[in-house]
Structure formats: structure tokens, C-alpha cells
Amino acid sequence: IKNLELVQEAYRLVKERPRVQIKWIPAHSGYRWNEYADALATA
């Protein structure tokens, strides 16, 4: 499993937060906060 330590950490956090939903959103679809996250990532 690639990036195993990150997968394990993310999944641990997911299990601790049973009311969280993880959903896909199209990249560069013009959604404000997806674009904002992209701007943080490319800073």
C-alpha cells in the first residue's frame, strides 16, 4: 500500500469521527473553497 503511514493516520482519524462524510468534488470547477484549498496547496 503506497503512502501507508498517511493512509493509516487518515483512516484512524476517520474512525474517530463517525459523523464525517468524505466526498469527491471536481477539481477547478469554480467552487470557491475548493479553489481556496488549491491556492493553499500551491502557495
ModelCIF file with pLDDT and N, C-alpha, C, O atoms, coordinates in Angstrom:
data_MODEL
#
_entry.id   MODEL 
#
_entity.id                         1 
_entity.type                       polymer 
_entity.pdbx_number_of_molecules   1 
#
_entity_poly.entity_id                      1 
_entity_poly.type                           'polypeptide(L)' 
_entity_poly.nstd_linkage                   no 
_entity_poly.nstd_monomer                   no 
_entity_poly.pdbx_seq_one_letter_code       IKNLELVQEAYRLVKERPRVQIKWIPAHSGYRWNEYADALATA 
_entity_poly.pdbx_seq_one_letter_code_can   IKNLELVQEAYRLVKERPRVQIKWIPAHSGYRWNEYADALATA 
_entity_poly.pdbx_strand_id                 A 
#
loop_
_entity_poly_seq.entity_id 
_entity_poly_seq.num 
_entity_poly_seq.mon_id 
_entity_poly_seq.hetero 
1 1  ILE n 
1 2  LYS n 
1 3  ASN n 
1 4  LEU n 
1 5  GLU n 
1 6  LEU n 
1 7  VAL n 
1 8  GLN n 
1 9  GLU n 
1 10 ALA n 
1 11 TYR n 
1 12 ARG n 
1 13 LEU n 
1 14 VAL n 
1 15 LYS n 
1 16 GLU n 
1 17 ARG n 
1 18 PRO n 
1 19 ARG n 
1 20 VAL n 
1 21 GLN n 
1 22 ILE n 
1 23 LYS n 
1 24 TRP n 
1 25 ILE n 
1 26 PRO n 
1 27 ALA n 
1 28 HIS n 
1 29 SER n 
1 30 GLY n 
1 31 TYR n 
1 32 ARG n 
1 33 TRP n 
1 34 ASN n 
1 35 GLU n 
1 36 TYR n 
1 37 ALA n 
1 38 ASP n 
1 39 ALA n 
1 40 LEU n 
1 41 ALA n 
1 42 THR n 
1 43 ALA n 
#
_struct_asym.id          A 
_struct_asym.entity_id   1 
#
loop_
_ma_qa_metric.id 
_ma_qa_metric.mode 
_ma_qa_metric.name 
_ma_qa_metric.software_group_id 
_ma_qa_metric.type 
1 global pLDDT . pLDDT 
2 local  pLDDT . pLDDT 
#
_ma_qa_metric_global.metric_id      1 
_ma_qa_metric_global.metric_value   96.47 
_ma_qa_metric_global.model_id       1 
_ma_qa_metric_global.ordinal_id     1 
#
loop_
_ma_qa_metric_local.label_asym_id 
_ma_qa_metric_local.label_comp_id 
_ma_qa_metric_local.label_seq_id 
_ma_qa_metric_local.metric_id 
_ma_qa_metric_local.metric_value 
_ma_qa_metric_local.model_id 
_ma_qa_metric_local.ordinal_id 
A ILE 1  2 97.00 1 1  
A LYS 2  2 96.00 1 2  
A ASN 3  2 97.00 1 3  
A LEU 4  2 98.00 1 4  
A GLU 5  2 98.00 1 5  
A LEU 6  2 98.00 1 6  
A VAL 7  2 98.00 1 7  
A GLN 8  2 98.00 1 8  
A GLU 9  2 98.00 1 9  
A ALA 10 2 98.00 1 10 
A TYR 11 2 98.00 1 11 
A ARG 12 2 98.00 1 12 
A LEU 13 2 98.00 1 13 
A VAL 14 2 98.00 1 14 
A LYS 15 2 98.00 1 15 
A GLU 16 2 98.00 1 16 
A ARG 17 2 98.00 1 17 
A PRO 18 2 97.00 1 18 
A ARG 19 2 98.00 1 19 
A VAL 20 2 98.00 1 20 
A GLN 21 2 98.00 1 21 
A ILE 22 2 98.00 1 22 
A LYS 23 2 98.00 1 23 
A TRP 24 2 97.00 1 24 
A ILE 25 2 95.00 1 25 
A PRO 26 2 93.00 1 26 
A ALA 27 2 91.00 1 27 
A HIS 28 2 88.00 1 28 
A SER 29 2 87.00 1 29 
A GLY 30 2 92.00 1 30 
A TYR 31 2 96.00 1 31 
A ARG 32 2 97.00 1 32 
A TRP 33 2 97.00 1 33 
A ASN 34 2 97.00 1 34 
A GLU 35 2 96.00 1 35 
A TYR 36 2 97.00 1 36 
A ALA 37 2 97.00 1 37 
A ASP 38 2 97.00 1 38 
A ALA 39 2 96.00 1 39 
A LEU 40 2 97.00 1 40 
A ALA 41 2 97.00 1 41 
A THR 42 2 96.00 1 42 
A ALA 43 2 96.00 1 43 
#
loop_
_atom_site.group_PDB 
_atom_site.id 
_atom_site.type_symbol 
_atom_site.label_atom_id 
_atom_site.label_alt_id 
_atom_site.label_comp_id 
_atom_site.label_asym_id 
_atom_site.label_entity_id 
_atom_site.label_seq_id 
_atom_site.pdbx_PDB_ins_code 
_atom_site.Cartn_x 
_atom_site.Cartn_y 
_atom_site.Cartn_z 
_atom_site.occupancy 
_atom_site.B_iso_or_equiv 
_atom_site.pdbx_formal_charge 
_atom_site.auth_seq_id 
_atom_site.auth_comp_id 
_atom_site.auth_asym_id 
_atom_site.auth_atom_id 
_atom_site.pdbx_PDB_model_num 
ATOM 1   N N  . ILE A 1 1  ? 0.864   -1.187 0.000   1.00 97.00 ? 1  ILE A N  1 
ATOM 2   C CA . ILE A 1 1  ? 0.000   0.000  0.000   1.00 97.00 ? 1  ILE A CA 1 
ATOM 3   C C  . ILE A 1 1  ? 0.898   1.234  0.000   1.00 97.00 ? 1  ILE A C  1 
ATOM 4   O O  . ILE A 1 1  ? 1.708   1.425  0.908   1.00 97.00 ? 1  ILE A O  1 
ATOM 5   N N  . LYS A 1 2  ? 0.748   2.058  -1.017  1.00 96.00 ? 2  LYS A N  1 
ATOM 6   C CA . LYS A 1 2  ? 1.578   3.249  -1.111  1.00 96.00 ? 2  LYS A CA 1 
ATOM 7   C C  . LYS A 1 2  ? 1.174   4.268  -0.042  1.00 96.00 ? 2  LYS A C  1 
ATOM 8   O O  . LYS A 1 2  ? -0.001  4.398  0.301   1.00 96.00 ? 2  LYS A O  1 
ATOM 9   N N  . ASN A 1 3  ? 2.162   4.979  0.468   1.00 97.00 ? 3  ASN A N  1 
ATOM 10  C CA . ASN A 1 3  ? 1.929   6.011  1.483   1.00 97.00 ? 3  ASN A CA 1 
ATOM 11  C C  . ASN A 1 3  ? 1.181   5.447  2.687   1.00 97.00 ? 3  ASN A C  1 
ATOM 12  O O  . ASN A 1 3  ? 0.268   6.079  3.219   1.00 97.00 ? 3  ASN A O  1 
ATOM 13  N N  . LEU A 1 4  ? 1.579   4.261  3.102   1.00 98.00 ? 4  LEU A N  1 
ATOM 14  C CA . LEU A 1 4  ? 0.848   3.519  4.128   1.00 98.00 ? 4  LEU A CA 1 
ATOM 15  C C  . LEU A 1 4  ? 0.683   4.312  5.418   1.00 98.00 ? 4  LEU A C  1 
ATOM 16  O O  . LEU A 1 4  ? -0.402  4.309  6.001   1.00 98.00 ? 4  LEU A O  1 
ATOM 17  N N  . GLU A 1 5  ? 1.732   4.992  5.878   1.00 98.00 ? 5  GLU A N  1 
ATOM 18  C CA . GLU A 1 5  ? 1.636   5.688  7.155   1.00 98.00 ? 5  GLU A CA 1 
ATOM 19  C C  . GLU A 1 5  ? 0.601   6.805  7.108   1.00 98.00 ? 5  GLU A C  1 
ATOM 20  O O  . GLU A 1 5  ? -0.069  7.077  8.104   1.00 98.00 ? 5  GLU A O  1 
ATOM 21  N N  . LEU A 1 6  ? 0.470   7.452  5.950   1.00 98.00 ? 6  LEU A N  1 
ATOM 22  C CA . LEU A 1 6  ? -0.535  8.509  5.812   1.00 98.00 ? 6  LEU A CA 1 
ATOM 23  C C  . LEU A 1 6  ? -1.938  7.923  5.694   1.00 98.00 ? 6  LEU A C  1 
ATOM 24  O O  . LEU A 1 6  ? -2.892  8.469  6.247   1.00 98.00 ? 6  LEU A O  1 
ATOM 25  N N  . VAL A 1 7  ? -2.060  6.824  4.981   1.00 98.00 ? 7  VAL A N  1 
ATOM 26  C CA . VAL A 1 7  ? -3.359  6.143  4.881   1.00 98.00 ? 7  VAL A CA 1 
ATOM 27  C C  . VAL A 1 7  ? -3.824  5.707  6.263   1.00 98.00 ? 7  VAL A C  1 
ATOM 28  O O  . VAL A 1 7  ? -4.987  5.901  6.618   1.00 98.00 ? 7  VAL A O  1 
ATOM 29  N N  . GLN A 1 8  ? -2.925  5.121  7.041   1.00 98.00 ? 8  GLN A N  1 
ATOM 30  C CA . GLN A 1 8  ? -3.287  4.661  8.392   1.00 98.00 ? 8  GLN A CA 1 
ATOM 31  C C  . GLN A 1 8  ? -3.694  5.824  9.286   1.00 98.00 ? 8  GLN A C  1 
ATOM 32  O O  . GLN A 1 8  ? -4.667  5.717  10.034  1.00 98.00 ? 8  GLN A O  1 
ATOM 33  N N  . GLU A 1 9  ? -2.968  6.924  9.219   1.00 98.00 ? 9  GLU A N  1 
ATOM 34  C CA . GLU A 1 9  ? -3.288  8.078  10.053  1.00 98.00 ? 9  GLU A CA 1 
ATOM 35  C C  . GLU A 1 9  ? -4.637  8.675  9.642   1.00 98.00 ? 9  GLU A C  1 
ATOM 36  O O  . GLU A 1 9  ? -5.460  8.996  10.499  1.00 98.00 ? 9  GLU A O  1 
ATOM 37  N N  . ALA A 1 10 ? -4.860  8.825  8.343   1.00 98.00 ? 10 ALA A N  1 
ATOM 38  C CA . ALA A 1 10 ? -6.132  9.379  7.885   1.00 98.00 ? 10 ALA A CA 1 
ATOM 39  C C  . ALA A 1 10 ? -7.297  8.477  8.272   1.00 98.00 ? 10 ALA A C  1 
ATOM 40  O O  . ALA A 1 10 ? -8.346  8.966  8.694   1.00 98.00 ? 10 ALA A O  1 
ATOM 41  N N  . TYR A 1 11 ? -7.126  7.180  8.134   1.00 98.00 ? 11 TYR A N  1 
ATOM 42  C CA . TYR A 1 11 ? -8.218  6.260  8.460   1.00 98.00 ? 11 TYR A CA 1 
ATOM 43  C C  . TYR A 1 11 ? -8.483  6.233  9.967   1.00 98.00 ? 11 TYR A C  1 
ATOM 44  O O  . TYR A 1 11 ? -9.628  6.095  10.398  1.00 98.00 ? 11 TYR A O  1 
ATOM 45  N N  . ARG A 1 12 ? -7.428  6.363  10.758  1.00 98.00 ? 12 ARG A N  1 
ATOM 46  C CA . ARG A 1 12 ? -7.626  6.435  12.213  1.00 98.00 ? 12 ARG A CA 1 
ATOM 47  C C  . ARG A 1 12 ? -8.475  7.653  12.574  1.00 98.00 ? 12 ARG A C  1 
ATOM 48  O O  . ARG A 1 12 ? -9.380  7.565  13.403  1.00 98.00 ? 12 ARG A O  1 
ATOM 49  N N  . LEU A 1 13 ? -8.177  8.773  11.953  1.00 98.00 ? 13 LEU A N  1 
ATOM 50  C CA . LEU A 1 13 ? -8.934  9.987  12.219  1.00 98.00 ? 13 LEU A CA 1 
ATOM 51  C C  . LEU A 1 13 ? -10.372 9.862  11.740  1.00 98.00 ? 13 LEU A C  1 
ATOM 52  O O  . LEU A 1 13 ? -11.289 10.377 12.381  1.00 98.00 ? 13 LEU A O  1 
ATOM 53  N N  . VAL A 1 14 ? -10.572 9.183  10.620  1.00 98.00 ? 14 VAL A N  1 
ATOM 54  C CA . VAL A 1 14 ? -11.935 8.957  10.112  1.00 98.00 ? 14 VAL A CA 1 
ATOM 55  C C  . VAL A 1 14 ? -12.740 8.133  11.102  1.00 98.00 ? 14 VAL A C  1 
ATOM 56  O O  . VAL A 1 14 ? -13.889 8.466  11.394  1.00 98.00 ? 14 VAL A O  1 
ATOM 57  N N  . LYS A 1 15 ? -12.158 7.071  11.618  1.00 98.00 ? 15 LYS A N  1 
ATOM 58  C CA . LYS A 1 15 ? -12.884 6.197  12.549  1.00 98.00 ? 15 LYS A CA 1 
ATOM 59  C C  . LYS A 1 15 ? -13.227 6.925  13.845  1.00 98.00 ? 15 LYS A C  1 
ATOM 60  O O  . LYS A 1 15 ? -14.236 6.621  14.483  1.00 98.00 ? 15 LYS A O  1 
ATOM 61  N N  . GLU A 1 16 ? -12.398 7.879  14.232  1.00 98.00 ? 16 GLU A N  1 
ATOM 62  C CA . GLU A 1 16 ? -12.666 8.654  15.443  1.00 98.00 ? 16 GLU A CA 1 
ATOM 63  C C  . GLU A 1 16 ? -13.756 9.701  15.224  1.00 98.00 ? 16 GLU A C  1 
ATOM 64  O O  . GLU A 1 16 ? -14.240 10.308 16.180  1.00 98.00 ? 16 GLU A O  1 
ATOM 65  N N  . ARG A 1 17 ? -14.139 9.909  13.974  1.00 98.00 ? 17 ARG A N  1 
ATOM 66  C CA . ARG A 1 17 ? -15.129 10.922 13.612  1.00 98.00 ? 17 ARG A CA 1 
ATOM 67  C C  . ARG A 1 17 ? -16.232 10.277 12.784  1.00 98.00 ? 17 ARG A C  1 
ATOM 68  O O  . ARG A 1 17 ? -16.309 10.508 11.577  1.00 98.00 ? 17 ARG A O  1 
ATOM 69  N N  . PRO A 1 18 ? -17.084 9.476  13.410  1.00 97.00 ? 18 PRO A N  1 
ATOM 70  C CA . PRO A 1 18 ? -18.061 8.673  12.668  1.00 97.00 ? 18 PRO A CA 1 
ATOM 71  C C  . PRO A 1 18 ? -19.123 9.483  11.934  1.00 97.00 ? 18 PRO A C  1 
ATOM 72  O O  . PRO A 1 18 ? -19.818 8.940  11.075  1.00 97.00 ? 18 PRO A O  1 
ATOM 73  N N  . ARG A 1 19 ? -19.264 10.768 12.251  1.00 98.00 ? 19 ARG A N  1 
ATOM 74  C CA . ARG A 1 19 ? -20.295 11.579 11.598  1.00 98.00 ? 19 ARG A CA 1 
ATOM 75  C C  . ARG A 1 19 ? -19.739 12.390 10.427  1.00 98.00 ? 19 ARG A C  1 
ATOM 76  O O  . ARG A 1 19 ? -20.458 13.178 9.812   1.00 98.00 ? 19 ARG A O  1 
ATOM 77  N N  . VAL A 1 20 ? -18.469 12.195 10.127  1.00 98.00 ? 20 VAL A N  1 
ATOM 78  C CA . VAL A 1 20 ? -17.847 12.874 8.993   1.00 98.00 ? 20 VAL A CA 1 
ATOM 79  C C  . VAL A 1 20 ? -18.143 12.114 7.699   1.00 98.00 ? 20 VAL A C  1 
ATOM 80  O O  . VAL A 1 20 ? -18.095 10.884 7.669   1.00 98.00 ? 20 VAL A O  1 
ATOM 81  N N  . GLN A 1 21 ? -18.446 12.844 6.645   1.00 98.00 ? 21 GLN A N  1 
ATOM 82  C CA . GLN A 1 21 ? -18.572 12.273 5.314   1.00 98.00 ? 21 GLN A CA 1 
ATOM 83  C C  . GLN A 1 21 ? -17.427 12.798 4.450   1.00 98.00 ? 21 GLN A C  1 
ATOM 84  O O  . GLN A 1 21 ? -17.090 13.980 4.506   1.00 98.00 ? 21 GLN A O  1 
ATOM 85  N N  . ILE A 1 22 ? -16.838 11.918 3.661   1.00 98.00 ? 22 ILE A N  1 
ATOM 86  C CA . ILE A 1 22 ? -15.772 12.321 2.746   1.00 98.00 ? 22 ILE A CA 1 
ATOM 87  C C  . ILE A 1 22 ? -16.311 12.212 1.329   1.00 98.00 ? 22 ILE A C  1 
ATOM 88  O O  . ILE A 1 22 ? -16.691 11.131 0.881   1.00 98.00 ? 22 ILE A O  1 
ATOM 89  N N  . LYS A 1 23 ? -16.342 13.329 0.635   1.00 98.00 ? 23 LYS A N  1 
ATOM 90  C CA . LYS A 1 23 ? -16.942 13.364 -0.698  1.00 98.00 ? 23 LYS A CA 1 
ATOM 91  C C  . LYS A 1 23 ? -15.977 13.956 -1.716  1.00 98.00 ? 23 LYS A C  1 
ATOM 92  O O  . LYS A 1 23 ? -15.137 14.799 -1.401  1.00 98.00 ? 23 LYS A O  1 
ATOM 93  N N  . TRP A 1 24 ? -16.129 13.481 -2.947  1.00 97.00 ? 24 TRP A N  1 
ATOM 94  C CA . TRP A 1 24 ? -15.333 13.992 -4.058  1.00 97.00 ? 24 TRP A CA 1 
ATOM 95  C C  . TRP A 1 24 ? -15.967 15.251 -4.611  1.00 97.00 ? 24 TRP A C  1 
ATOM 96  O O  . TRP A 1 24 ? -17.190 15.358 -4.700  1.00 97.00 ? 24 TRP A O  1 
ATOM 97  N N  . ILE A 1 25 ? -15.123 16.205 -4.984  1.00 95.00 ? 25 ILE A N  1 
ATOM 98  C CA . ILE A 1 25 ? -15.580 17.439 -5.621  1.00 95.00 ? 25 ILE A CA 1 
ATOM 99  C C  . ILE A 1 25 ? -14.701 17.656 -6.850  1.00 95.00 ? 25 ILE A C  1 
ATOM 100 O O  . ILE A 1 25 ? -13.488 17.462 -6.761  1.00 95.00 ? 25 ILE A O  1 
ATOM 101 N N  . PRO A 1 26 ? -15.260 18.049 -7.986  1.00 93.00 ? 26 PRO A N  1 
ATOM 102 C CA . PRO A 1 26 ? -14.444 18.203 -9.194  1.00 93.00 ? 26 PRO A CA 1 
ATOM 103 C C  . PRO A 1 26 ? -13.370 19.268 -9.019  1.00 93.00 ? 26 PRO A C  1 
ATOM 104 O O  . PRO A 1 26 ? -13.627 20.326 -8.445  1.00 93.00 ? 26 PRO A O  1 
ATOM 105 N N  . ALA A 1 27 ? -12.177 18.992 -9.509  1.00 91.00 ? 27 ALA A N  1 
ATOM 106 C CA . ALA A 1 27 ? -11.093 19.973 -9.451  1.00 91.00 ? 27 ALA A CA 1 
ATOM 107 C C  . ALA A 1 27 ? -11.375 21.123 -10.404 1.00 91.00 ? 27 ALA A C  1 
ATOM 108 O O  . ALA A 1 27 ? -11.863 20.914 -11.515 1.00 91.00 ? 27 ALA A O  1 
ATOM 109 N N  . HIS A 1 28 ? -11.070 22.325 -9.970  1.00 88.00 ? 28 HIS A N  1 
ATOM 110 C CA . HIS A 1 28 ? -11.186 23.524 -10.797 1.00 88.00 ? 28 HIS A CA 1 
ATOM 111 C C  . HIS A 1 28 ? -12.553 23.635 -11.470 1.00 88.00 ? 28 HIS A C  1 
ATOM 112 O O  . HIS A 1 28 ? -12.660 23.906 -12.666 1.00 88.00 ? 28 HIS A O  1 
ATOM 113 N N  . SER A 1 29 ? -13.584 23.419 -10.672 1.00 87.00 ? 29 SER A N  1 
ATOM 114 C CA . SER A 1 29 ? -14.951 23.555 -11.170 1.00 87.00 ? 29 SER A CA 1 
ATOM 115 C C  . SER A 1 29 ? -15.517 24.928 -10.859 1.00 87.00 ? 29 SER A C  1 
ATOM 116 O O  . SER A 1 29 ? -16.680 25.204 -11.154 1.00 87.00 ? 29 SER A O  1 
ATOM 117 N N  . GLY A 1 30 ? -14.704 25.788 -10.267 1.00 92.00 ? 30 GLY A N  1 
ATOM 118 C CA . GLY A 1 30 ? -15.157 27.122 -9.916  1.00 92.00 ? 30 GLY A CA 1 
ATOM 119 C C  . GLY A 1 30 ? -15.777 27.210 -8.544  1.00 92.00 ? 30 GLY A C  1 
ATOM 120 O O  . GLY A 1 30 ? -16.341 28.246 -8.191  1.00 92.00 ? 30 GLY A O  1 
ATOM 121 N N  . TYR A 1 31 ? -15.687 26.135 -7.747  1.00 96.00 ? 31 TYR A N  1 
ATOM 122 C CA . TYR A 1 31 ? -16.215 26.171 -6.387  1.00 96.00 ? 31 TYR A CA 1 
ATOM 123 C C  . TYR A 1 31 ? -15.221 26.917 -5.494  1.00 96.00 ? 31 TYR A C  1 
ATOM 124 O O  . TYR A 1 31 ? -14.037 26.585 -5.446  1.00 96.00 ? 31 TYR A O  1 
ATOM 125 N N  . ARG A 1 32 ? -15.720 27.911 -4.803  1.00 97.00 ? 32 ARG A N  1 
ATOM 126 C CA . ARG A 1 32 ? -14.855 28.856 -4.096  1.00 97.00 ? 32 ARG A CA 1 
ATOM 127 C C  . ARG A 1 32 ? -13.879 28.180 -3.146  1.00 97.00 ? 32 ARG A C  1 
ATOM 128 O O  . ARG A 1 32 ? -12.682 28.462 -3.195  1.00 97.00 ? 32 ARG A O  1 
ATOM 129 N N  . TRP A 1 33 ? -14.358 27.307 -2.294  1.00 97.00 ? 33 TRP A N  1 
ATOM 130 C CA . TRP A 1 33 ? -13.484 26.801 -1.235  1.00 97.00 ? 33 TRP A CA 1 
ATOM 131 C C  . TRP A 1 33 ? -12.601 25.664 -1.701  1.00 97.00 ? 33 TRP A C  1 
ATOM 132 O O  . TRP A 1 33 ? -11.576 25.387 -1.078  1.00 97.00 ? 33 TRP A O  1 
ATOM 133 N N  . ASN A 1 34 ? -12.975 24.996 -2.786  1.00 97.00 ? 34 ASN A N  1 
ATOM 134 C CA . ASN A 1 34 ? -12.057 24.048 -3.412  1.00 97.00 ? 34 ASN A CA 1 
ATOM 135 C C  . ASN A 1 34 ? -10.902 24.802 -4.052  1.00 97.00 ? 34 ASN A C  1 
ATOM 136 O O  . ASN A 1 34 ? -9.749  24.379 -3.962  1.00 97.00 ? 34 ASN A O  1 
ATOM 137 N N  . GLU A 1 35 ? -11.214 25.922 -4.698  1.00 96.00 ? 35 GLU A N  1 
ATOM 138 C CA . GLU A 1 35 ? -10.163 26.763 -5.281  1.00 96.00 ? 35 GLU A CA 1 
ATOM 139 C C  . GLU A 1 35 ? -9.277  27.350 -4.183  1.00 96.00 ? 35 GLU A C  1 
ATOM 140 O O  . GLU A 1 35 ? -8.069  27.500 -4.370  1.00 96.00 ? 35 GLU A O  1 
ATOM 141 N N  . TYR A 1 36 ? -9.871  27.678 -3.051  1.00 97.00 ? 36 TYR A N  1 
ATOM 142 C CA . TYR A 1 36 ? -9.107  28.225 -1.928  1.00 97.00 ? 36 TYR A CA 1 
ATOM 143 C C  . TYR A 1 36 ? -8.121  27.184 -1.397  1.00 97.00 ? 36 TYR A C  1 
ATOM 144 O O  . TYR A 1 36 ? -6.961  27.499 -1.130  1.00 97.00 ? 36 TYR A O  1 
ATOM 145 N N  . ALA A 1 37 ? -8.588  25.944 -1.247  1.00 97.00 ? 37 ALA A N  1 
ATOM 146 C CA . ALA A 1 37 ? -7.688  24.877 -0.805  1.00 97.00 ? 37 ALA A CA 1 
ATOM 147 C C  . ALA A 1 37 ? -6.559  24.674 -1.797  1.00 97.00 ? 37 ALA A C  1 
ATOM 148 O O  . ALA A 1 37 ? -5.418  24.424 -1.407  1.00 97.00 ? 37 ALA A O  1 
ATOM 149 N N  . ASP A 1 38 ? -6.879  24.783 -3.093  1.00 97.00 ? 38 ASP A N  1 
ATOM 150 C CA . ASP A 1 38 ? -5.846  24.666 -4.118  1.00 97.00 ? 38 ASP A CA 1 
ATOM 151 C C  . ASP A 1 38 ? -4.818  25.789 -3.967  1.00 97.00 ? 38 ASP A C  1 
ATOM 152 O O  . ASP A 1 38 ? -3.617  25.557 -4.110  1.00 97.00 ? 38 ASP A O  1 
ATOM 153 N N  . ALA A 1 39 ? -5.290  27.007 -3.678  1.00 96.00 ? 39 ALA A N  1 
ATOM 154 C CA . ALA A 1 39 ? -4.369  28.126 -3.501  1.00 96.00 ? 39 ALA A CA 1 
ATOM 155 C C  . ALA A 1 39 ? -3.463  27.915 -2.295  1.00 96.00 ? 39 ALA A C  1 
ATOM 156 O O  . ALA A 1 39 ? -2.293  28.297 -2.324  1.00 96.00 ? 39 ALA A O  1 
ATOM 157 N N  . LEU A 1 40 ? -3.993  27.308 -1.233  1.00 97.00 ? 40 LEU A N  1 
ATOM 158 C CA . LEU A 1 40 ? -3.153  26.967 -0.087  1.00 97.00 ? 40 LEU A CA 1 
ATOM 159 C C  . LEU A 1 40 ? -2.104  25.931 -0.481  1.00 97.00 ? 40 LEU A C  1 
ATOM 160 O O  . LEU A 1 40 ? -0.938  26.036 -0.100  1.00 97.00 ? 40 LEU A O  1 
ATOM 161 N N  . ALA A 1 41 ? -2.536  24.924 -1.252  1.00 97.00 ? 41 ALA A N  1 
ATOM 162 C CA . ALA A 1 41 ? -1.633  23.831 -1.624  1.00 97.00 ? 41 ALA A CA 1 
ATOM 163 C C  . ALA A 1 41 ? -0.529  24.296 -2.562  1.00 97.00 ? 41 ALA A C  1 
ATOM 164 O O  . ALA A 1 41 ? 0.583   23.772 -2.517  1.00 97.00 ? 41 ALA A O  1 
ATOM 165 N N  . THR A 1 42 ? -0.823  25.267 -3.406  1.00 96.00 ? 42 THR A N  1 
ATOM 166 C CA . THR A 1 42 ? 0.173   25.720 -4.386  1.00 96.00 ? 42 THR A CA 1 
ATOM 167 C C  . THR A 1 42 ? 0.933   26.960 -3.929  1.00 96.00 ? 42 THR A C  1 
ATOM 168 O O  . THR A 1 42 ? 1.678   27.552 -4.709  1.00 96.00 ? 42 THR A O  1 
ATOM 169 N N  . ALA A 1 43 ? 0.750   27.357 -2.675  1.00 96.00 ? 43 ALA A N  1 
ATOM 170 C CA . ALA A 1 43 ? 1.443   28.550 -2.171  1.00 96.00 ? 43 ALA A CA 1 
ATOM 171 C C  . ALA A 1 43 ? 2.957   28.409 -2.282  1.00 96.00 ? 43 ALA A C  1 
ATOM 172 O O  . ALA A 1 43 ? 3.692   29.322 -1.903  1.00 96.00 ? 43 ALA A O  1 
#
